[in-house]
PDB file of N, CA and C in Angstrom:
ATOM      1  N   MET A   1     -37.257  22.458  -5.009  1.00  0.00           N
ATOM      2  CA  MET A   1     -37.444  23.802  -4.836  1.00  0.00           C
ATOM      3  C   MET A   1     -38.388  23.934  -6.808  1.00  0.00           C
ATOM      4  N   ALA A   2     -39.428  24.609  -6.303  1.00  0.00           N
ATOM      5  CA  ALA A   2     -40.422  25.135  -7.763  1.00  0.00           C
ATOM      6  C   ALA A   2     -39.353  26.370  -8.574  1.00  0.00           C
ATOM      7  N   LYS A   3     -39.838  25.958  -9.838  1.00  0.00           N
ATOM      8  CA  LYS A   3     -39.072  27.522 -10.079  1.00  0.00           C
ATOM      9  C   LYS A   3     -40.199  27.840 -10.972  1.00  0.00           C
ATOM     10  N   SER A   4     -40.087  29.471 -10.226  1.00  0.00           N
ATOM     11  CA  SER A   4     -41.028  30.461 -10.995  1.00  0.00           C
ATOM     12  C   SER A   4     -41.449  30.732 -12.363  1.00  0.00           C
ATOM     13  N   ARG A   5     -42.712  30.782 -12.829  1.00  0.00           N
ATOM     14  CA  ARG A   5     -42.947  30.749 -14.013  1.00  0.00           C
ATOM     15  C   ARG A   5     -42.517  32.243 -14.386  1.00  0.00           C
ATOM     16  N   ARG A   6     -42.669  32.721 -15.783  1.00  0.00           N
ATOM     17  CA  ARG A   6     -41.870  33.557 -16.423  1.00  0.00           C
ATOM     18  C   ARG A   6     -42.964  34.431 -16.564  1.00  0.00           C
ATOM     19  N   PRO A   7     -42.887  35.947 -16.368  1.00  0.00           N
ATOM     20  CA  PRO A   7     -44.038  36.726 -16.286  1.00  0.00           C
ATOM     21  C   PRO A   7     -45.339  36.292 -18.271  1.00  0.00           C
ATOM     22  N   ALA A   8     -45.584  37.263 -18.594  1.00  0.00           N
ATOM     23  CA  ALA A   8     -46.427  36.583 -19.791  1.00  0.00           C
ATOM     24  C   ALA A   8     -46.214  38.202 -20.560  1.00  0.00           C
ATOM     25  N   PHE A   9     -45.579  38.288 -21.460  1.00  0.00           N
ATOM     26  CA  PHE A   9     -45.433  39.215 -22.407  1.00  0.00           C
ATOM     27  C   PHE A   9     -46.890  40.484 -22.732  1.00  0.00           C
ATOM     28  N   VAL A  10     -46.863  41.408 -23.070  1.00  0.00           N
ATOM     29  CA  VAL A  10     -47.830  41.447 -23.480  1.00  0.00           C
ATOM     30  C   VAL A  10     -47.396  42.826 -24.552  1.00  0.00           C
ATOM     31  N   PHE A  11     -48.142  42.937 -25.825  1.00  0.00           N
ATOM     32  CA  PHE A  11     -48.005  43.872 -27.002  1.00  0.00           C
ATOM     33  C   PHE A  11     -49.075  44.215 -26.776  1.00  0.00           C
ATOM     34  N   PRO A  12     -49.400  45.261 -26.521  1.00  0.00           N
ATOM     35  CA  PRO A  12     -50.698  46.414 -26.802  1.00  0.00           C
ATOM     36  C   PRO A  12     -50.809  46.849 -28.035  1.00  0.00           C
ATOM     37  N   GLU A  13     -49.903  47.015 -28.360  1.00  0.00           N
ATOM     38  CA  GLU A  13     -49.958  47.589 -30.126  1.00  0.00           C
ATOM     39  C   GLU A  13     -50.397  46.450 -30.925  1.00  0.00           C
ATOM     40  N   LEU A  14     -50.823  45.582 -30.695  1.00  0.00           N
ATOM     41  CA  LEU A  14     -51.116  44.405 -31.385  1.00  0.00           C
ATOM     42  C   LEU A  14     -52.640  43.544 -30.663  1.00  0.00           C
ATOM     43  N   ASP A  15     -52.684  44.610 -29.932  1.00  0.00           N
ATOM     44  CA  ASP A  15     -54.665  43.944 -30.159  1.00  0.00           C
ATOM     45  C   ASP A  15     -55.074  44.543 -30.476  1.00  0.00           C
ATOM     46  N   SER A  16     -55.579  45.307 -31.483  1.00  0.00           N
ATOM     47  CA  SER A  16     -56.034  46.168 -31.776  1.00  0.00           C
ATOM     48  C   SER A  16     -55.818  45.191 -33.620  1.00  0.00           C
ATOM     49  N   ARG A  17     -55.121  44.250 -33.736  1.00  0.00           N
ATOM     50  CA  ARG A  17     -55.010  44.200 -34.848  1.00  0.00           C
ATOM     51  C   ARG A  17     -55.352  42.074 -34.419  1.00  0.00           C
ATOM     52  N   GLY A  18     -54.969  42.014 -33.585  1.00  0.00           N
ATOM     53  CA  GLY A  18     -55.732  40.415 -33.177  1.00  0.00           C
ATOM     54  C   GLY A  18     -54.462  40.059 -32.505  1.00  0.00           C
ATOM     55  N   ARG A  19     -54.742  39.213 -31.809  1.00  0.00           N
ATOM     56  CA  ARG A  19     -53.641  38.472 -31.043  1.00  0.00           C
ATOM     57  C   ARG A  19     -52.269  37.982 -31.320  1.00  0.00           C
ATOM     58  N   HIS A  20     -52.942  36.573 -32.551  1.00  0.00           N
ATOM     59  CA  HIS A  20     -51.303  35.825 -33.205  1.00  0.00           C
ATOM     60  C   HIS A  20     -51.367  36.622 -34.382  1.00  0.00           C
ATOM     61  N   THR A  21     -51.219  38.121 -34.642  1.00  0.00           N
ATOM     62  CA  THR A  21     -50.885  39.031 -35.624  1.00  0.00           C
ATOM     63  C   THR A  21     -49.553  38.958 -35.912  1.00  0.00           C
ATOM     64  N   ILE A  22     -49.158  38.945 -37.416  1.00  0.00           N
ATOM     65  CA  ILE A  22     -47.599  39.433 -38.014  1.00  0.00           C
ATOM     66  C   ILE A  22     -47.501  40.470 -38.319  1.00  0.00           C
ATOM     67  N   LEU A  23     -46.838  41.551 -37.935  1.00  0.00           N
ATOM     68  CA  LEU A  23     -47.152  42.554 -38.974  1.00  0.00           C
ATOM     69  C   LEU A  23     -46.546  43.343 -40.090  1.00  0.00           C
ATOM     70  N   ARG A  24     -45.043  42.572 -39.887  1.00  0.00           N
ATOM     71  CA  ARG A  24     -44.619  41.967 -41.328  1.00  0.00           C
ATOM     72  C   ARG A  24     -43.817  40.780 -41.574  1.00  0.00           C
ATOM     73  N   SER A  25     -43.565  40.286 -42.328  1.00  0.00           N
ATOM     74  CA  SER A  25     -42.898  39.115 -42.604  1.00  0.00           C
ATOM     75  C   SER A  25     -41.015  39.705 -43.037  1.00  0.00           C
ATOM     76  N   THR A  26     -40.901  38.566 -42.469  1.00  0.00           N
ATOM     77  CA  THR A  26     -39.701  38.612 -42.901  1.00  0.00           C
ATOM     78  C   THR A  26     -38.494  38.859 -44.404  1.00  0.00           C
ATOM     79  N   GLU A  27     -39.544  38.369 -45.229  1.00  0.00           N
ATOM     80  CA  GLU A  27     -39.253  39.036 -46.406  1.00  0.00           C
ATOM     81  C   GLU A  27     -39.773  40.768 -46.371  1.00  0.00           C
ATOM     82  N   GLU A  28     -40.686  40.903 -46.193  1.00  0.00           N
ATOM     83  CA  GLU A  28     -40.863  42.066 -46.079  1.00  0.00           C
ATOM     84  C   GLU A  28     -39.728  43.116 -45.381  1.00  0.00           C
ATOM     85  N   VAL A  29     -39.540  42.800 -44.451  1.00  0.00           N
ATOM     86  CA  VAL A  29     -38.877  43.043 -43.399  1.00  0.00           C
ATOM     87  C   VAL A  29     -36.915  42.768 -44.017  1.00  0.00           C
ATOM     88  N   SER A  30     -36.506  42.402 -44.677  1.00  0.00           N
ATOM     89  CA  SER A  30     -34.954  42.263 -45.615  1.00  0.00           C
ATOM     90  C   SER A  30     -35.775  42.972 -47.248  1.00  0.00           C
ATOM     91  N   ALA A  31     -36.693  42.942 -47.098  1.00  0.00           N
ATOM     92  CA  ALA A  31     -36.558  44.258 -48.535  1.00  0.00           C
ATOM     93  C   ALA A  31     -36.846  45.459 -48.179  1.00  0.00           C
ATOM     94  N   GLU A  32     -37.271  45.770 -47.275  1.00  0.00           N
ATOM     95  CA  GLU A  32     -36.906  47.256 -46.624  1.00  0.00           C
ATOM     96  C   GLU A  32     -35.604  47.738 -46.231  1.00  0.00           C
ATOM     97  N   VAL A  33     -34.840  46.637 -45.849  1.00  0.00           N
ATOM     98  CA  VAL A  33     -33.627  46.519 -45.442  1.00  0.00           C
ATOM     99  C   VAL A  33     -32.740  47.157 -46.761  1.00  0.00           C
ATOM    100  N   LYS A  34     -32.589  46.267 -47.408  1.00  0.00           N
ATOM    101  CA  LYS A  34     -32.476  46.072 -48.902  1.00  0.00           C
ATOM    102  C   LYS A  34     -32.529  48.028 -49.422  1.00  0.00           C
ATOM    103  N   ALA A  35     -33.825  47.982 -49.319  1.00  0.00           N
ATOM    104  CA  ALA A  35     -34.093  49.694 -49.675  1.00  0.00           C
ATOM    105  C   ALA A  35     -33.346  50.257 -49.556  1.00  0.00           C
ATOM    106  N   LEU A  36     -33.482  50.343 -48.266  1.00  0.00           N
ATOM    107  CA  LEU A  36     -32.551  51.702 -47.513  1.00  0.00           C
ATOM    108  C   LEU A  36     -30.976  51.139 -47.654  1.00  0.00           C
ATOM    109  N   GLU A  37     -30.322  50.125 -47.899  1.00  0.00           N
ATOM    110  CA  GLU A  37     -29.229  50.277 -47.835  1.00  0.00           C
ATOM    111  C   GLU A  37     -28.929  50.750 -49.506  1.00  0.00           C
ATOM    112  N   GLN A  38     -29.510  50.575 -50.525  1.00  0.00           N
ATOM    113  CA  GLN A  38     -29.400  50.884 -51.938  1.00  0.00           C
ATOM    114  C   GLN A  38     -30.130  52.038 -51.897  1.00  0.00           C
ATOM    115  N   SER A  39     -30.786  52.874 -50.649  1.00  0.00           N
ATOM    116  CA  SER A  39     -30.936  54.414 -51.330  1.00  0.00           C
ATOM    117  C   SER A  39     -30.369  55.452 -50.243  1.00  0.00           C
ATOM    118  N   THR A  40     -29.008  54.932 -49.865  1.00  0.00           N
ATOM    119  CA  THR A  40     -28.229  55.866 -49.230  1.00  0.00           C
ATOM    120  C   THR A  40     -27.327  56.265 -50.699  1.00  0.00           C
ATOM    121  N   ALA A  41     -27.152  57.539 -50.312  1.00  0.00           N
ATOM    122  CA  ALA A  41     -26.839  57.827 -51.838  1.00  0.00           C
ATOM    123  C   ALA A  41     -25.209  57.998 -51.622  1.00  0.00           C
ATOM    124  N   GLU A  42     -24.764  59.018 -50.689  1.00  0.00           N
ATOM    125  CA  GLU A  42     -23.593  59.319 -49.988  1.00  0.00           C
ATOM    126  C   GLU A  42     -22.907  58.278 -49.294  1.00  0.00           C
ATOM    127  N   PRO A  43     -22.050  57.182 -49.585  1.00  0.00           N
ATOM    128  CA  PRO A  43     -20.989  56.212 -48.891  1.00  0.00           C
ATOM    129  C   PRO A  43     -20.566  56.662 -47.564  1.00  0.00           C
ATOM    130  N   GLN A  44     -20.912  55.730 -46.667  1.00  0.00           N
ATOM    131  CA  GLN A  44     -20.965  55.976 -45.062  1.00  0.00           C
ATOM    132  C   GLN A  44     -19.208  56.287 -45.349  1.00  0.00           C
ATOM    133  N   GLU A  45     -18.493  55.375 -45.872  1.00  0.00           N
ATOM    134  CA  GLU A  45     -16.805  55.521 -45.195  1.00  0.00           C
ATOM    135  C   GLU A  45     -16.360  56.346 -46.449  1.00  0.00           C
ATOM    136  N   ARG A  46     -15.404  57.513 -47.023  1.00  0.00           N
ATOM    137  CA  ARG A  46     -14.220  57.167 -47.749  1.00  0.00           C
ATOM    138  C   ARG A  46     -13.104  57.443 -47.476  1.00  0.00           C
ATOM    139  N   VAL A  47     -12.371  56.276 -48.458  1.00  0.00           N
ATOM    140  CA  VAL A  47     -11.062  57.117 -48.310  1.00  0.00           C
ATOM    141  C   VAL A  47      -9.479  57.600 -48.661  1.00  0.00           C
ATOM    142  N   LYS A  48      -9.126  58.455 -47.592  1.00  0.00           N
ATOM    143  CA  LYS A  48      -8.138  59.926 -48.726  1.00  0.00           C
ATOM    144  C   LYS A  48      -6.976  58.797 -48.833  1.00  0.00           C
ATOM    145  N   VAL A  49      -6.901  59.445 -50.231  1.00  0.00           N
ATOM    146  CA  VAL A  49      -6.108  58.776 -51.610  1.00  0.00           C
ATOM    147  C   VAL A  49      -5.902  60.298 -52.238  1.00  0.00           C
ATOM    148  N   THR A  50      -4.337  60.072 -52.359  1.00  0.00           N
ATOM    149  CA  THR A  50      -3.684  61.428 -53.154  1.00  0.00           C
ATOM    150  C   THR A  50      -2.941  60.482 -54.495  1.00  0.00           C
ATOM    151  N   TYR A  51      -3.347  61.123 -55.565  1.00  0.00           N
ATOM    152  CA  TYR A  51      -2.827  61.430 -57.327  1.00  0.00           C
ATOM    153  C   TYR A  51      -2.695  62.277 -57.821  1.00  0.00           C
ATOM    154  N   ARG A  52      -1.582  62.436 -58.477  1.00  0.00           N
ATOM    155  CA  ARG A  52      -1.104  63.259 -59.183  1.00  0.00           C
ATOM    156  C   ARG A  52      -1.830  63.854 -60.574  1.00  0.00           C
ATOM    157  N   PHE A  53      -2.461  64.938 -61.005  1.00  0.00           N
ATOM    158  CA  PHE A  53      -2.596  64.469 -62.578  1.00  0.00           C
ATOM    159  C   PHE A  53      -2.152  65.789 -63.247  1.00  0.00           C
ATOM    160  N   LEU A  54      -2.590  65.948 -64.303  1.00  0.00           N
ATOM    161  CA  LEU A  54      -1.397  66.691 -65.427  1.00  0.00           C
ATOM    162  C   LEU A  54      -2.378  68.098 -64.915  1.00  0.00           C
ATOM    163  N   PRO A  55      -1.815  69.337 -65.434  1.00  0.00           N
ATOM    164  CA  PRO A  55      -2.746  70.172 -65.404  1.00  0.00           C
ATOM    165  C   PRO A  55      -3.997  70.492 -66.315  1.00  0.00           C
ATOM    166  N   GLU A  56      -3.789  69.580 -67.352  1.00  0.00           N
ATOM    167  CA  GLU A  56      -4.794  69.450 -68.316  1.00  0.00           C
ATOM    168  C   GLU A  56      -5.972  68.589 -67.448  1.00  0.00           C
ATOM    169  N   ALA A  57      -5.498  67.877 -67.268  1.00  0.00           N
ATOM    170  CA  ALA A  57      -6.444  66.668 -66.216  1.00  0.00           C
ATOM    171  C   ALA A  57      -7.422  67.609 -65.615  1.00  0.00           C
ATOM    172  N   VAL A  58      -6.667  68.852 -64.269  1.00  0.00           N
ATOM    173  CA  VAL A  58      -7.482  69.434 -63.092  1.00  0.00           C
ATOM    174  C   VAL A  58      -7.899  70.463 -64.059  1.00  0.00           C
ATOM    175  N   GLU A  59      -7.500  70.965 -64.928  1.00  0.00           N
ATOM    176  CA  GLU A  59      -8.220  71.569 -65.944  1.00  0.00           C
ATOM    177  C   GLU A  59      -9.671  71.122 -66.749  1.00  0.00           C
ATOM    178  N   ALA A  60      -9.663  70.133 -66.843  1.00  0.00           N
ATOM    179  CA  ALA A  60     -10.669  69.354 -67.427  1.00  0.00           C
ATOM    180  C   ALA A  60     -11.773  68.772 -65.988  1.00  0.00           C
ATOM    181  N   VAL A  61     -11.056  68.868 -64.936  1.00  0.00           N
ATOM    182  CA  VAL A  61     -12.296  68.427 -64.174  1.00  0.00           C
ATOM    183  C   VAL A  61     -13.020  69.345 -63.770  1.00  0.00           C
ATOM    184  N   GLU A  62     -11.994  71.335 -63.784  1.00  0.00           N
ATOM    185  CA  GLU A  62     -13.303  72.282 -63.665  1.00  0.00           C
ATOM    186  C   GLU A  62     -13.828  72.537 -64.768  1.00  0.00           C
ATOM    187  N   ASP A  63     -13.621  72.142 -65.602  1.00  0.00           N
ATOM    188  CA  ASP A  63     -14.477  72.484 -67.051  1.00  0.00           C
ATOM    189  C   ASP A  63     -15.590  71.039 -66.370  1.00  0.00           C
ATOM    190  N   ILE A  64     -15.399  70.369 -66.616  1.00  0.00           N
ATOM    191  CA  ILE A  64     -16.610  69.418 -66.294  1.00  0.00           C
ATOM    192  C   ILE A  64     -17.774  69.854 -64.799  1.00  0.00           C
ATOM    193  N   ARG A  65     -16.730  70.582 -63.937  1.00  0.00           N
ATOM    194  CA  ARG A  65     -17.920  71.278 -62.745  1.00  0.00           C
ATOM    195  C   ARG A  65     -18.591  72.459 -63.152  1.00  0.00           C
ATOM    196  N   ARG A  66     -17.879  73.035 -64.204  1.00  0.00           N
ATOM    197  CA  ARG A  66     -18.523  74.045 -65.258  1.00  0.00           C
ATOM    198  C   ARG A  66     -19.714  73.774 -65.888  1.00  0.00           C
ATOM    199  N   ILE A  67     -19.492  73.314 -66.217  1.00  0.00           N
ATOM    200  CA  ILE A  67     -20.590  72.031 -67.658  1.00  0.00           C
ATOM    201  C   ILE A  67     -21.816  72.318 -66.849  1.00  0.00           C
ATOM    202  N   LEU A  68     -21.381  71.085 -66.365  1.00  0.00           N
ATOM    203  CA  LEU A  68     -22.506  70.244 -65.514  1.00  0.00           C
ATOM    204  C   LEU A  68     -23.415  71.888 -64.625  1.00  0.00           C
ATOM    205  N   ARG A  69     -22.990  72.697 -64.107  1.00  0.00           N
ATOM    206  CA  ARG A  69     -23.858  73.861 -63.306  1.00  0.00           C
ATOM    207  C   ARG A  69     -23.929  74.339 -63.922  1.00  0.00           C
ATOM    208  N   ARG A  70     -23.720  75.219 -65.053  1.00  0.00           N
ATOM    209  CA  ARG A  70     -24.198  76.164 -66.217  1.00  0.00           C
ATOM    210  C   ARG A  70     -25.352  75.456 -67.090  1.00  0.00           C
ATOM    211  N   GLN A  71     -24.712  73.996 -68.006  1.00  0.00           N
ATOM    212  CA  GLN A  71     -25.585  73.680 -68.951  1.00  0.00           C
ATOM    213  C   GLN A  71     -26.717  73.036 -68.308  1.00  0.00           C
ATOM    214  N   TYR A  72     -26.616  72.020 -67.035  1.00  0.00           N
ATOM    215  CA  TYR A  72     -27.344  71.019 -66.700  1.00  0.00           C
ATOM    216  C   TYR A  72     -27.796  71.395 -65.665  1.00  0.00           C
ATOM    217  N   GLY A  73     -27.766  72.463 -64.656  1.00  0.00           N
ATOM    218  CA  GLY A  73     -28.369  73.023 -63.655  1.00  0.00           C
ATOM    219  C   GLY A  73     -27.941  71.497 -62.869  1.00  0.00           C
ATOM    220  N   VAL A  74     -26.416  71.115 -62.357  1.00  0.00           N
ATOM    221  CA  VAL A  74     -25.906  70.429 -61.316  1.00  0.00           C
ATOM    222  C   VAL A  74     -25.548  71.622 -60.777  1.00  0.00           C
ATOM    223  N   GLY A  75     -26.236  71.563 -59.081  1.00  0.00           N
ATOM    224  CA  GLY A  75     -25.999  72.602 -58.796  1.00  0.00           C
ATOM    225  C   GLY A  75     -24.535  72.301 -57.619  1.00  0.00           C
ATOM    226  N   LYS A  76     -24.877  70.888 -56.701  1.00  0.00           N
ATOM    227  CA  LYS A  76     -24.048  70.926 -55.858  1.00  0.00           C
ATOM    228  C   LYS A  76     -23.072  69.366 -56.346  1.00  0.00           C
ATOM    229  N   VAL A  77     -21.531  69.857 -57.252  1.00  0.00           N
ATOM    230  CA  VAL A  77     -20.859  68.625 -57.685  1.00  0.00           C
ATOM    231  C   VAL A  77     -19.858  69.120 -57.365  1.00  0.00           C
ATOM    232  N   ASN A  78     -18.629  68.496 -56.447  1.00  0.00           N
ATOM    233  CA  ASN A  78     -17.404  68.842 -56.363  1.00  0.00           C
ATOM    234  C   ASN A  78     -16.322  68.088 -56.620  1.00  0.00           C
ATOM    235  N   ARG A  79     -15.198  68.051 -56.778  1.00  0.00           N
ATOM    236  CA  ARG A  79     -13.970  67.278 -58.044  1.00  0.00           C
ATOM    237  C   ARG A  79     -14.041  65.856 -57.532  1.00  0.00           C
ATOM    238  N   GLU A  80     -13.765  66.112 -55.932  1.00  0.00           N
ATOM    239  CA  GLU A  80     -13.653  64.610 -55.717  1.00  0.00           C
ATOM    240  C   GLU A  80     -14.749  63.617 -56.600  1.00  0.00           C
ATOM    241  N   ASP A  81     -16.041  63.901 -56.573  1.00  0.00           N
ATOM    242  CA  ASP A  81     -17.538  63.129 -56.764  1.00  0.00           C
ATOM    243  C   ASP A  81     -17.408  63.032 -58.427  1.00  0.00           C
ATOM    244  N   ILE A  82     -16.402  63.710 -58.853  1.00  0.00           N
ATOM    245  CA  ILE A  82     -16.323  64.103 -60.615  1.00  0.00           C
ATOM    246  C   ILE A  82     -15.011  62.757 -61.035  1.00  0.00           C
ATOM    247  N   ALA A  83     -13.763  62.989 -59.878  1.00  0.00           N
ATOM    248  CA  ALA A  83     -13.163  62.008 -60.656  1.00  0.00           C
ATOM    249  C   ALA A  83     -13.892  60.515 -60.073  1.00  0.00           C
ATOM    250  N   GLN A  84     -14.218  60.712 -58.954  1.00  0.00           N
ATOM    251  CA  GLN A  84     -14.944  59.369 -58.400  1.00  0.00           C
ATOM    252  C   GLN A  84     -15.714  58.316 -59.352  1.00  0.00           C
ATOM    253  N   ALA A  85     -16.972  59.360 -60.014  1.00  0.00           N
ATOM    254  CA  ALA A  85     -17.381  58.846 -61.229  1.00  0.00           C
ATOM    255  C   ALA A  85     -16.895  58.585 -62.275  1.00  0.00           C
ATOM    256  N   ALA A  86     -16.188  59.331 -62.867  1.00  0.00           N
ATOM    257  CA  ALA A  86     -15.107  58.423 -63.686  1.00  0.00           C
ATOM    258  C   ALA A  86     -14.535  57.378 -63.688  1.00  0.00           C
ATOM    259  N   VAL A  87     -13.905  57.239 -62.135  1.00  0.00           N
ATOM    260  CA  VAL A  87     -13.030  56.254 -62.171  1.00  0.00           C
ATOM    261  C   VAL A  87     -13.926  54.738 -62.390  1.00  0.00           C
ATOM    262  N   ILE A  88     -15.421  55.044 -61.560  1.00  0.00           N
ATOM    263  CA  ILE A  88     -16.286  53.979 -61.821  1.00  0.00           C
ATOM    264  C   ILE A  88     -16.153  53.339 -63.099  1.00  0.00           C
ATOM    265  N   GLU A  89     -17.074  54.963 -63.738  1.00  0.00           N
ATOM    266  CA  GLU A  89     -16.934  54.539 -65.384  1.00  0.00           C
ATOM    267  C   GLU A  89     -16.229  53.948 -66.076  1.00  0.00           C
ATOM    268  N   ALA A  90     -14.575  54.027 -66.047  1.00  0.00           N
ATOM    269  CA  ALA A  90     -13.998  53.474 -66.537  1.00  0.00           C
ATOM    270  C   ALA A  90     -13.711  52.321 -66.106  1.00  0.00           C
ATOM    271  N   LEU A  91     -14.158  51.884 -64.854  1.00  0.00           N
ATOM    272  CA  LEU A  91     -13.688  50.554 -64.550  1.00  0.00           C
ATOM    273  C   LEU A  91     -14.830  49.646 -65.418  1.00  0.00           C
ATOM    274  N   ARG A  92     -16.281  50.144 -65.393  1.00  0.00           N
ATOM    275  CA  ARG A  92     -17.166  49.661 -66.067  1.00  0.00           C
ATOM    276  C   ARG A  92     -17.252  49.005 -67.483  1.00  0.00           C
ATOM    277  N   ASP A  93     -16.219  50.806 -68.173  1.00  0.00           N
ATOM    278  CA  ASP A  93     -15.609  50.133 -69.913  1.00  0.00           C
ATOM    279  C   ASP A  93     -14.964  49.284 -69.683  1.00  0.00           C
ATOM    280  N   LEU A  94     -14.203  49.476 -68.625  1.00  0.00           N
ATOM    281  CA  LEU A  94     -13.153  47.882 -69.241  1.00  0.00           C
ATOM    282  C   LEU A  94     -13.431  46.610 -69.560  1.00  0.00           C
ATOM    283  N   GLU A  95     -14.302  46.651 -68.070  1.00  0.00           N
ATOM    284  CA  GLU A  95     -15.005  44.732 -68.314  1.00  0.00           C
ATOM    285  C   GLU A  95     -16.132  45.008 -69.106  1.00  0.00           C
ATOM    286  N   THR A  96     -16.266  46.168 -70.031  1.00  0.00           N
ATOM    287  CA  THR A  96     -17.685  45.765 -70.773  1.00  0.00           C
ATOM    288  C   THR A  96     -16.829  45.601 -71.751  1.00  0.00           C
ATOM    289  N   ASN A  97     -16.268  46.197 -72.531  1.00  0.00           N
ATOM    290  CA  ASN A  97     -15.610  46.263 -73.809  1.00  0.00           C
ATOM    291  C   ASN A  97     -14.616  46.068 -73.977  1.00  0.00           C
ATOM    292  N   GLY A  98     -13.502  45.414 -72.291  1.00  0.00           N
ATOM    293  CA  GLY A  98     -12.223  44.617 -72.275  1.00  0.00           C
ATOM    294  C   GLY A  98     -11.193  45.224 -73.304  1.00  0.00           C
ATOM    295  N   ALA A  99     -10.498  44.642 -74.426  1.00  0.00           N
ATOM    296  CA  ALA A  99      -9.480  45.955 -75.121  1.00  0.00           C
ATOM    297  C   ALA A  99     -10.047  46.519 -76.084  1.00  0.00           C
ATOM    298  N   GLY A 100     -11.217  47.129 -76.035  1.00  0.00           N
ATOM    299  CA  GLY A 100     -11.921  47.760 -77.042  1.00  0.00           C
ATOM    300  C   GLY A 100     -12.329  48.842 -75.891  1.00  0.00           C
ATOM    301  N   SER A 101     -11.649  49.207 -74.786  1.00  0.00           N
ATOM    302  CA  SER A 101     -12.193  49.963 -73.551  1.00  0.00           C
ATOM    303  C   SER A 101     -11.243  51.138 -74.180  1.00  0.00           C
ATOM    304  N   PHE A 102     -11.580  52.481 -73.797  1.00  0.00           N
ATOM    305  CA  PHE A 102     -10.532  54.223 -73.704  1.00  0.00           C
ATOM    306  C   PHE A 102      -9.277  53.411 -72.879  1.00  0.00           C
ATOM    307  N   LEU A 103      -9.596  52.771 -71.709  1.00  0.00           N
ATOM    308  CA  LEU A 103      -8.137  52.836 -70.718  1.00  0.00           C
ATOM    309  C   LEU A 103      -6.851  51.422 -71.843  1.00  0.00           C
ATOM    310  N   VAL A 104      -7.631  50.697 -72.356  1.00  0.00           N
ATOM    311  CA  VAL A 104      -6.781  50.061 -73.001  1.00  0.00           C
ATOM    312  C   VAL A 104      -6.092  50.824 -74.116  1.00  0.00           C
ATOM    313  N   LYS A 105      -6.951  51.271 -74.615  1.00  0.00           N
ATOM    314  CA  LYS A 105      -6.390  51.955 -76.162  1.00  0.00           C
ATOM    315  C   LYS A 105      -5.387  52.768 -75.669  1.00  0.00           C
ATOM    316  N   GLU A 106      -5.291  53.692 -74.584  1.00  0.00           N
ATOM    317  CA  GLU A 106      -4.625  55.073 -73.955  1.00  0.00           C
ATOM    318  C   GLU A 106      -3.604  54.609 -73.712  1.00  0.00           C
ATOM    319  N   PHE A 107      -3.363  53.123 -72.817  1.00  0.00           N
ATOM    320  CA  PHE A 107      -2.509  52.629 -72.177  1.00  0.00           C
ATOM    321  C   PHE A 107      -1.476  51.634 -72.653  1.00  0.00           C
ATOM    322  N   ARG A 108      -1.828  50.708 -74.287  1.00  0.00           N
ATOM    323  CA  ARG A 108      -1.350  49.699 -74.512  1.00  0.00           C
ATOM    324  C   ARG A 108      -0.207  50.423 -75.170  1.00  0.00           C
ATOM    325  N   GLN A 109       0.737  49.463 -74.701  1.00  0.00           N
ATOM    326  CA  GLN A 109       2.314  49.260 -75.080  1.00  0.00           C
ATOM    327  C   GLN A 109       2.523  48.831 -76.563  1.00  0.00           C
ATOM    328  N   GLY A 110       3.169  49.556 -77.305  1.00  0.00           N
ATOM    329  CA  GLY A 110       3.645  48.573 -78.463  1.00  0.00           C
ATOM    330  C   GLY A 110       2.397  48.975 -79.836  1.00  0.00           C
ATOM    331  N   PRO A 111       2.797  47.721 -81.024  1.00  0.00           N
ATOM    332  CA  PRO A 111       1.557  47.703 -82.046  1.00  0.00           C
ATOM    333  C   PRO A 111       0.534  47.314 -81.662  1.00  0.00           C
ATOM    334  N   SER A 112      -0.680  47.932 -82.068  1.00  0.00           N
ATOM    335  CA  SER A 112      -2.013  47.407 -81.791  1.00  0.00           C
ATOM    336  C   SER A 112      -2.286  45.780 -82.917  1.00  0.00           C
TER     337      SER A 112
END
């Protein structure tokens, strides 16, 4: 029994560039994918959590929102984004400054 030959693949979009032309290298494709991933400002998925804040902290978040809007022209910012940015920055400070971070100073028990 004779095997049938596969049909030849035709890519008309490559004809004008030459028969063996590679449009983009794998490095170029990888770089583009990485750039697209980094350019996504809004996370794909958020997890809902609940924290209890003191009334002063709630007022502080509102003050931050108001100051960003009025003094710096930041139009669209919500309470969730402010809290999220503050937590991420607190982690950066803790990792960078260790014992000198404001979190360690705030929550350290006993004499320094």
